[in-house]
C-alpha atoms as a PDB file:
ATOM      1  CA  MET A   1     -18.481 -22.055   4.670  1.00  0.00           C
ATOM      2  CA  THR A   2     -18.738 -18.086   4.886  1.00  0.00           C
ATOM      3  CA  LEU A   3     -16.650 -16.652   8.251  1.00  0.00           C
ATOM      4  CA  ASN A   4     -18.257 -14.206  10.552  1.00  0.00           C
ATOM      5  CA  LEU A   5     -15.767 -12.030  11.236  1.00  0.00           C
ATOM      6  CA  PRO A   6     -16.173  -8.637  14.320  1.00  0.00           C
ATOM      7  CA  ARG A   7     -16.601  -6.163  12.728  1.00  0.00           C
ATOM      8  CA  GLN A   8     -13.098  -3.520  13.520  1.00  0.00           C
ATOM      9  CA  ARG A   9     -13.470  -1.376  16.562  1.00  0.00           C
ATOM     10  CA  ASP A  10     -15.466   1.556  15.480  1.00  0.00           C
ATOM     11  CA  GLY A  11     -17.930   0.448  14.116  1.00  0.00           C
ATOM     12  CA  ARG A  12     -16.208   0.155  10.003  1.00  0.00           C
ATOM     13  CA  THR A  13     -15.717  -2.982   7.559  1.00  0.00           C
ATOM     14  CA  PRO A  14     -12.831  -4.329   8.159  1.00  0.00           C
ATOM     15  CA  TYR A  15     -10.438  -3.242   5.289  1.00  0.00           C
ATOM     16  CA  VAL A  16      -7.146  -5.081   4.810  1.00  0.00           C
ATOM     17  CA  LEU A  17      -4.478  -3.659   1.880  1.00  0.00           C
ATOM     18  CA  VAL A  18      -2.972  -5.764  -0.973  1.00  0.00           C
ATOM     19  CA  VAL A  19       0.242  -4.538  -2.718  1.00  0.00           C
ATOM     20  CA  VAL A  20       1.929  -6.275  -5.461  1.00  0.00           C
ATOM     21  CA  GLY A  21       3.551  -3.214  -6.838  1.00  0.00           C
ATOM     22  CA  THR A  22       5.131  -2.512  -9.956  1.00  0.00           C
ATOM     23  CA  ASP A  23       7.404  -5.362 -11.558  1.00  0.00           C
ATOM     24  CA  VAL A  24       7.018  -6.645 -15.061  1.00  0.00           C
ATOM     25  CA  HIS A  25       6.092 -10.503 -13.400  1.00  0.00           C
ATOM     26  CA  ARG A  26       3.115 -11.341 -12.388  1.00  0.00           C
ATOM     27  CA  PHE A  27       1.783 -12.996  -8.841  1.00  0.00           C
ATOM     28  CA  ASP A  28      -0.928 -14.747  -9.655  1.00  0.00           C
ATOM     29  CA  ARG A  29      -0.022 -17.143  -7.373  1.00  0.00           C
ATOM     30  CA  LEU A  30      -0.682 -14.714  -4.697  1.00  0.00           C
ATOM     31  CA  VAL A  31      -3.737 -12.915  -6.224  1.00  0.00           C
ATOM     32  CA  GLY A  32      -5.237 -16.992  -6.197  1.00  0.00           C
ATOM     33  CA  TRP A  33      -4.780 -17.077  -3.062  1.00  0.00           C
ATOM     34  CA  LEU A  34      -6.287 -13.824  -2.022  1.00  0.00           C
ATOM     35  CA  GLU A  35      -9.579 -14.714  -4.495  1.00  0.00           C
ATOM     36  CA  ARG A  36      -9.658 -18.483  -2.293  1.00  0.00           C
ATOM     37  CA  TRP A  37      -9.283 -16.718   1.016  1.00  0.00           C
ATOM     38  CA  HIS A  38     -11.567 -13.316   0.512  1.00  0.00           C
ATOM     39  CA  ALA A  39     -14.573 -15.772  -1.088  1.00  0.00           C
ATOM     40  CA  GLU A  40     -15.033 -17.401   2.539  1.00  0.00           C
ATOM     41  CA  ARG A  41     -15.083 -13.567   3.751  1.00  0.00           C
ATOM     42  CA  PRO A  42     -17.134 -11.532   1.783  1.00  0.00           C
ATOM     43  CA  GLY A  43     -17.864  -9.053   4.617  1.00  0.00           C
ATOM     44  CA  VAL A  44     -13.893  -7.340   4.543  1.00  0.00           C
ATOM     45  CA  ARG A  45     -12.947  -5.225   2.107  1.00  0.00           C
ATOM     46  CA  LEU A  46     -10.241  -6.498  -0.289  1.00  0.00           C
ATOM     47  CA  VAL A  47      -8.410  -4.124  -2.256  1.00  0.00           C
ATOM     48  CA  LEU A  48      -6.189  -5.331  -4.465  1.00  0.00           C
ATOM     49  CA  GLN A  49      -2.856  -3.700  -6.649  1.00  0.00           C
ATOM     50  CA  TYR A  50      -2.333  -5.739  -8.497  1.00  0.00           C
ATOM     51  CA  GLY A  51       0.461  -4.861 -11.078  1.00  0.00           C
ATOM     52  CA  HIS A  52       0.606  -6.795 -13.806  1.00  0.00           C
ATOM     53  CA  SER A  53      -0.561 -10.265 -12.717  1.00  0.00           C
ATOM     54  CA  ARG A  54      -3.832 -11.377 -14.082  1.00  0.00           C
ATOM     55  CA  THR A  55      -7.021  -9.593 -13.431  1.00  0.00           C
ATOM     56  CA  PRO A  56      -8.453 -10.841  -9.873  1.00  0.00           C
ATOM     57  CA  ALA A  57     -12.557 -12.285  -9.590  1.00  0.00           C
ATOM     58  CA  LEU A  58     -12.432  -9.210  -7.170  1.00  0.00           C
ATOM     59  CA  PRO A  59     -15.050  -6.615  -6.907  1.00  0.00           C
ATOM     60  CA  GLU A  60     -12.684  -3.761  -5.552  1.00  0.00           C
ATOM     61  CA  ALA A  61      -9.083  -4.668  -8.413  1.00  0.00           C
ATOM     62  CA  THR A  62      -6.569  -2.007  -9.530  1.00  0.00           C
ATOM     63  CA  PRO A  63      -3.692  -2.993 -12.076  1.00  0.00           C
ATOM     64  CA  PHE A  64      -1.991   0.459 -10.133  1.00  0.00           C
ATOM     65  CA  LEU A  65      -1.884   3.222  -7.235  1.00  0.00           C
ATOM     66  CA  GLY A  66      -0.615   6.076  -6.663  1.00  0.00           C
ATOM     67  CA  HIS A  67       1.551   7.497  -5.149  1.00  0.00           C
ATOM     68  CA  GLU A  68      -0.988   9.627  -2.689  1.00  0.00           C
ATOM     69  CA  GLU A  69      -3.518   7.146  -3.473  1.00  0.00           C
ATOM     70  CA  LEU A  70      -1.328   4.624  -1.847  1.00  0.00           C
ATOM     71  CA  GLN A  71      -0.670   6.487   0.579  1.00  0.00           C
ATOM     72  CA  ARG A  72      -3.721   7.059   1.680  1.00  0.00           C
ATOM     73  CA  ALA A  73      -4.634   3.133   1.348  1.00  0.00           C
ATOM     74  CA  MET A  74      -2.150   2.156   3.996  1.00  0.00           C
ATOM     75  CA  ALA A  75      -4.005   5.163   6.387  1.00  0.00           C
ATOM     76  CA  GLU A  76      -7.175   4.182   6.570  1.00  0.00           C
ATOM     77  CA  ALA A  77      -6.188   0.078   5.934  1.00  0.00           C
ATOM     78  CA  THR A  78      -6.815  -2.566   9.069  1.00  0.00           C
ATOM     79  CA  LEU A  79      -4.312  -4.714   7.608  1.00  0.00           C
ATOM     80  CA  VAL A  80      -1.347  -3.851   4.824  1.00  0.00           C
ATOM     81  CA  VAL A  81      -0.237  -7.011   2.411  1.00  0.00           C
ATOM     82  CA  SER A  82       2.479  -6.621   0.349  1.00  0.00           C
ATOM     83  CA  HIS A  83       5.228  -7.974  -1.715  1.00  0.00           C
ATOM     84  CA  GLY A  84       8.635  -8.349  -0.303  1.00  0.00           C
ATOM     85  CA  GLY A  85      10.046  -5.351  -2.084  1.00  0.00           C
ATOM     86  CA  PRO A  86      11.793  -2.603  -0.480  1.00  0.00           C
ATOM     87  CA  ALA A  87       9.712   0.512  -0.030  1.00  0.00           C
ATOM     88  CA  THR A  88       6.233  -1.218  -0.029  1.00  0.00           C
ATOM     89  CA  ILE A  89       7.351  -2.729   3.584  1.00  0.00           C
ATOM     90  CA  THR A  90       8.517   0.883   4.142  1.00  0.00           C
ATOM     91  CA  GLU A  91       5.941   2.846   3.479  1.00  0.00           C
ATOM     92  CA  ALA A  92       3.023   0.498   5.144  1.00  0.00           C
ATOM     93  CA  ARG A  93       5.733   0.336   8.796  1.00  0.00           C
ATOM     94  CA  ARG A  94       5.942   4.246   8.078  1.00  0.00           C
ATOM     95  CA  THR A  95       2.005   4.806   8.557  1.00  0.00           C
ATOM     96  CA  GLY A  96       1.899   2.646  10.939  1.00  0.00           C
ATOM     97  CA  HIS A  97       1.002  -1.298   9.984  1.00  0.00           C
ATOM     98  CA  LEU A  98       3.356  -4.406  11.228  1.00  0.00           C
ATOM     99  CA  PRO A  99       2.761  -5.412   6.902  1.00  0.00           C
ATOM    100  CA  ILE A 100       2.046  -9.337   6.147  1.00  0.00           C
ATOM    101  CA  VAL A 101       4.422  -9.373   3.720  1.00  0.00           C
ATOM    102  CA  VAL A 102       4.628 -12.175   0.850  1.00  0.00           C
ATOM    103  CA  PRO A 103       7.925 -12.024  -1.151  1.00  0.00           C
ATOM    104  CA  ARG A 104       7.132 -12.778  -4.750  1.00  0.00           C
ATOM    105  CA  ASP A 105       9.320 -16.862  -5.506  1.00  0.00           C
ATOM    106  CA  PRO A 106      11.624 -16.702  -8.387  1.00  0.00           C
ATOM    107  CA  THR A 107      11.043 -20.723  -9.260  1.00  0.00           C
ATOM    108  CA  HIS A 108       7.314 -19.575 -10.119  1.00  0.00           C
ATOM    109  CA  ASP A 109       8.864 -16.911 -12.498  1.00  0.00           C
ATOM    110  CA  GLU A 110       7.920 -14.011 -10.100  1.00  0.00           C
ATOM    111  CA  HIS A 111      10.929 -12.145 -10.499  1.00  0.00           C
ATOM    112  CA  VAL A 112      14.719 -12.028 -11.374  1.00  0.00           C
ATOM    113  CA  ASP A 113      16.117 -13.950  -8.791  1.00  0.00           C
ATOM    114  CA  ASN A 114      14.834 -14.403  -4.260  1.00  0.00           C
ATOM    115  CA  HIS A 115      16.555 -10.779  -3.031  1.00  0.00           C
ATOM    116  CA  GLN A 116      12.964 -10.230  -1.863  1.00  0.00           C
ATOM    117  CA  GLN A 117      12.652 -13.885  -0.485  1.00  0.00           C
ATOM    118  CA  LEU A 118      16.023 -13.411   1.544  1.00  0.00           C
ATOM    119  CA  PHE A 119      14.703  -9.853   2.469  1.00  0.00           C
ATOM    120  CA  SER A 120      11.828 -10.384   4.215  1.00  0.00           C
ATOM    121  CA  ARG A 121      13.033 -13.532   6.036  1.00  0.00           C
ATOM    122  CA  ARG A 122      15.612 -11.139   7.557  1.00  0.00           C
ATOM    123  CA  LEU A 123      13.427  -8.898   8.173  1.00  0.00           C
ATOM    124  CA  GLY A 124      10.472 -11.207   9.005  1.00  0.00           C
ATOM    125  CA  ALA A 125      13.605 -13.063  11.501  1.00  0.00           C
ATOM    126  CA  ALA A 126      13.779  -9.263  13.481  1.00  0.00           C
ATOM    127  CA  GLY A 127      10.162  -9.182  13.625  1.00  0.00           C
ATOM    128  CA  MET A 128      10.110  -5.855  11.013  1.00  0.00           C
ATOM    129  CA  VAL A 129       6.318  -8.322   9.138  1.00  0.00           C
ATOM    130  CA  ARG A 130       4.847 -10.810   9.143  1.00  0.00           C
ATOM    131  CA  LEU A 131       6.145 -13.191   7.023  1.00  0.00           C
ATOM    132  CA  CYS A 132       4.108 -15.598   4.858  1.00  0.00           C
ATOM    133  CA  GLU A 133       5.837 -17.931   1.820  1.00  0.00           C
ATOM    134  CA  THR A 134       2.671 -20.081   1.930  1.00  0.00           C
ATOM    135  CA  GLU A 135      -1.487 -20.209   1.305  1.00  0.00           C
ATOM    136  CA  ALA A 136      -1.987 -21.217   5.176  1.00  0.00           C
ATOM    137  CA  ASP A 137       1.192 -18.751   6.472  1.00  0.00           C
ATOM    138  CA  LEU A 138      -1.034 -15.800   4.813  1.00  0.00           C
ATOM    139  CA  VAL A 139      -4.656 -16.953   5.929  1.00  0.00           C
ATOM    140  CA  ALA A 140      -3.762 -17.380   9.064  1.00  0.00           C
ATOM    141  CA  ALA A 141      -2.005 -13.942   9.339  1.00  0.00           C
ATOM    142  CA  LEU A 142      -4.587 -12.274   7.594  1.00  0.00           C
ATOM    143  CA  ASP A 143      -7.842 -14.273   9.962  1.00  0.00           C
ATOM    144  CA  GLU A 144      -5.370 -13.252  13.645  1.00  0.00           C
ATOM    145  CA  GLY A 145      -5.270  -9.280  12.412  1.00  0.00           C
ATOM    146  CA  LEU A 146      -8.257  -9.266  11.697  1.00  0.00           C
ATOM    147  CA  ALA A 147      -9.478 -11.167  14.963  1.00  0.00           C
ATOM    148  CA  ASP A 148      -6.719  -8.807  17.119  1.00  0.00           C
ATOM    149  CA  PRO A 149      -5.971  -5.894  14.099  1.00  0.00           C
ATOM    150  CA  ALA A 150      -3.701  -4.041  17.148  1.00  0.00           C
ATOM    151  CA  ARG A 151      -1.219  -7.394  16.670  1.00  0.00           C
ATOM    152  CA  PHE A 152      -0.096  -5.720  13.675  1.00  0.00           C
ATOM    153  CA  VAL A 153      -0.076  -1.953  14.827  1.00  0.00           C
ATOM    154  CA  LEU A 154       3.000  -0.033  15.251  1.00  0.00           C
ATOM    155  CA  ALA A 155       3.654   3.272  16.557  1.00  0.00           C
ATOM    156  CA  ALA A 156       3.365   5.789  13.543  1.00  0.00           C
ATOM    157  CA  ASP A 157       4.972   9.432  13.228  1.00  0.00           C
ATOM    158  CA  PRO A 158       4.859  10.099   9.596  1.00  0.00           C
ATOM    159  CA  ASP A 159       7.310  13.175  10.595  1.00  0.00           C
ATOM    160  CA  ARG A 160      10.004  10.542  11.875  1.00  0.00           C
ATOM    161  CA  PRO A 161      10.725   7.457  10.169  1.00  0.00           C
ATOM    162  CA  ASP A 162      11.266   4.521  11.566  1.00  0.00           C
ATOM    163  CA  PRO A 163      15.633   4.115  11.780  1.00  0.00           C
ATOM    164  CA  ARG A 164      15.527   0.926  10.851  1.00  0.00           C
ATOM    165  CA  ALA A 165      12.801   1.770   8.104  1.00  0.00           C
ATOM    166  CA  GLU A 166      15.803   4.068   6.528  1.00  0.00           C
ATOM    167  CA  ALA A 167      17.702   0.978   6.256  1.00  0.00           C
ATOM    168  CA  VAL A 168      15.407  -0.920   4.912  1.00  0.00           C
ATOM    169  CA  ALA A 169      15.077   1.725   1.756  1.00  0.00           C
ATOM    170  CA  ARG A 170      18.819   1.872   1.956  1.00  0.00           C
ATOM    171  CA  VAL A 171      19.183  -1.946   1.148  1.00  0.00           C
ATOM    172  CA  GLY A 172      15.996  -2.251  -0.705  1.00  0.00           C
ATOM    173  CA  ALA A 173      18.224  -0.196  -2.761  1.00  0.00           C
ATOM    174  CA  VAL A 174      21.145  -1.811  -2.225  1.00  0.00           C
ATOM    175  CA  ILE A 175      19.162  -4.528  -4.078  1.00  0.00           C
ATOM    176  CA  ASP A 176      17.384  -3.297  -6.611  1.00  0.00           C
ATOM    177  CA  ASP A 177      20.608  -1.173  -7.566  1.00  0.00           C
ATOM    178  CA  LEU A 178      21.815  -4.670  -8.323  1.00  0.00           C
ATOM    179  CA  VAL A 179      19.358  -6.403  -9.701  1.00  0.00           C
ATOM    180  CA  ALA A 180      18.826  -3.808 -12.483  1.00  0.00           C
ATOM    181  CA  ARG A 181      22.344  -4.374 -13.239  1.00  0.00           C
ATOM    182  CA  ARG A 182      22.351  -7.922 -13.368  1.00  0.00           C
ATOM    183  CA  VAL A 183      19.376  -7.463 -15.172  1.00  0.00           C
ATOM    184  CA  ARG A 184      21.515  -5.168 -17.705  1.00  0.00           C
ATOM    185  CA  GLN A 185      24.357  -7.388 -18.041  1.00  0.00           C
ATOM    186  CA  ARG A 186      22.332 -10.568 -19.059  1.00  0.00           C
ATOM    187  CA  ALA A 187      20.267  -8.887 -21.369  1.00  0.00           C
ATOM    188  CA  GLY A 188      24.002  -7.901 -22.484  1.00  0.00           C
ATOM    189  CA  GLY A 189      25.095 -11.232 -23.217  1.00  0.00           C
ATOM    190  CA  ARG A 190      22.006 -11.953 -25.265  1.00  0.00           C
ATOM    191  CA  ARG A 191      23.214 -10.014 -27.585  1.00  0.00           C
ATOM    192  CA  GLY A 192      26.076 -10.827 -29.360  1.00  0.00           C
END
């Protein structure tokens, strides 16, 4: 069944940008969810930056986007879907999006630990992201956002970052540092 979705108020085709980041872990679970969702919504432009995941069966999929290209894509997108990476979440918010966040799950070998889940749940509880931990949650958020994009728009001011976003970035840097230390400790223990 193909769903008919309205065009944006300005007449443009709805545009969903999905960013999984650059982590070496695959995020095939999210790729599959998006392939199924898009199959029923071919009128939506879906751009997926899939990193090290399997190559998606989607027309506009790319492994990586440069920083400027990512900024441009976020600025043009109707909706932004992000992994639970603090930097990507911060960038989406800075460009005026309430990001739809699907955190990586270590039980699916999508990351080394559950820091993305913990971080994303806190932001979701604070209303700073739309948290989606299941395929049904993601489908509902995407369909809701395409039906009423204004619900996923924040007041963007690229010259003055959101102070909460700065806090998110600082917390993200601390988490990234802790994870890197943990990975180095584990690697050091294997050599002996």
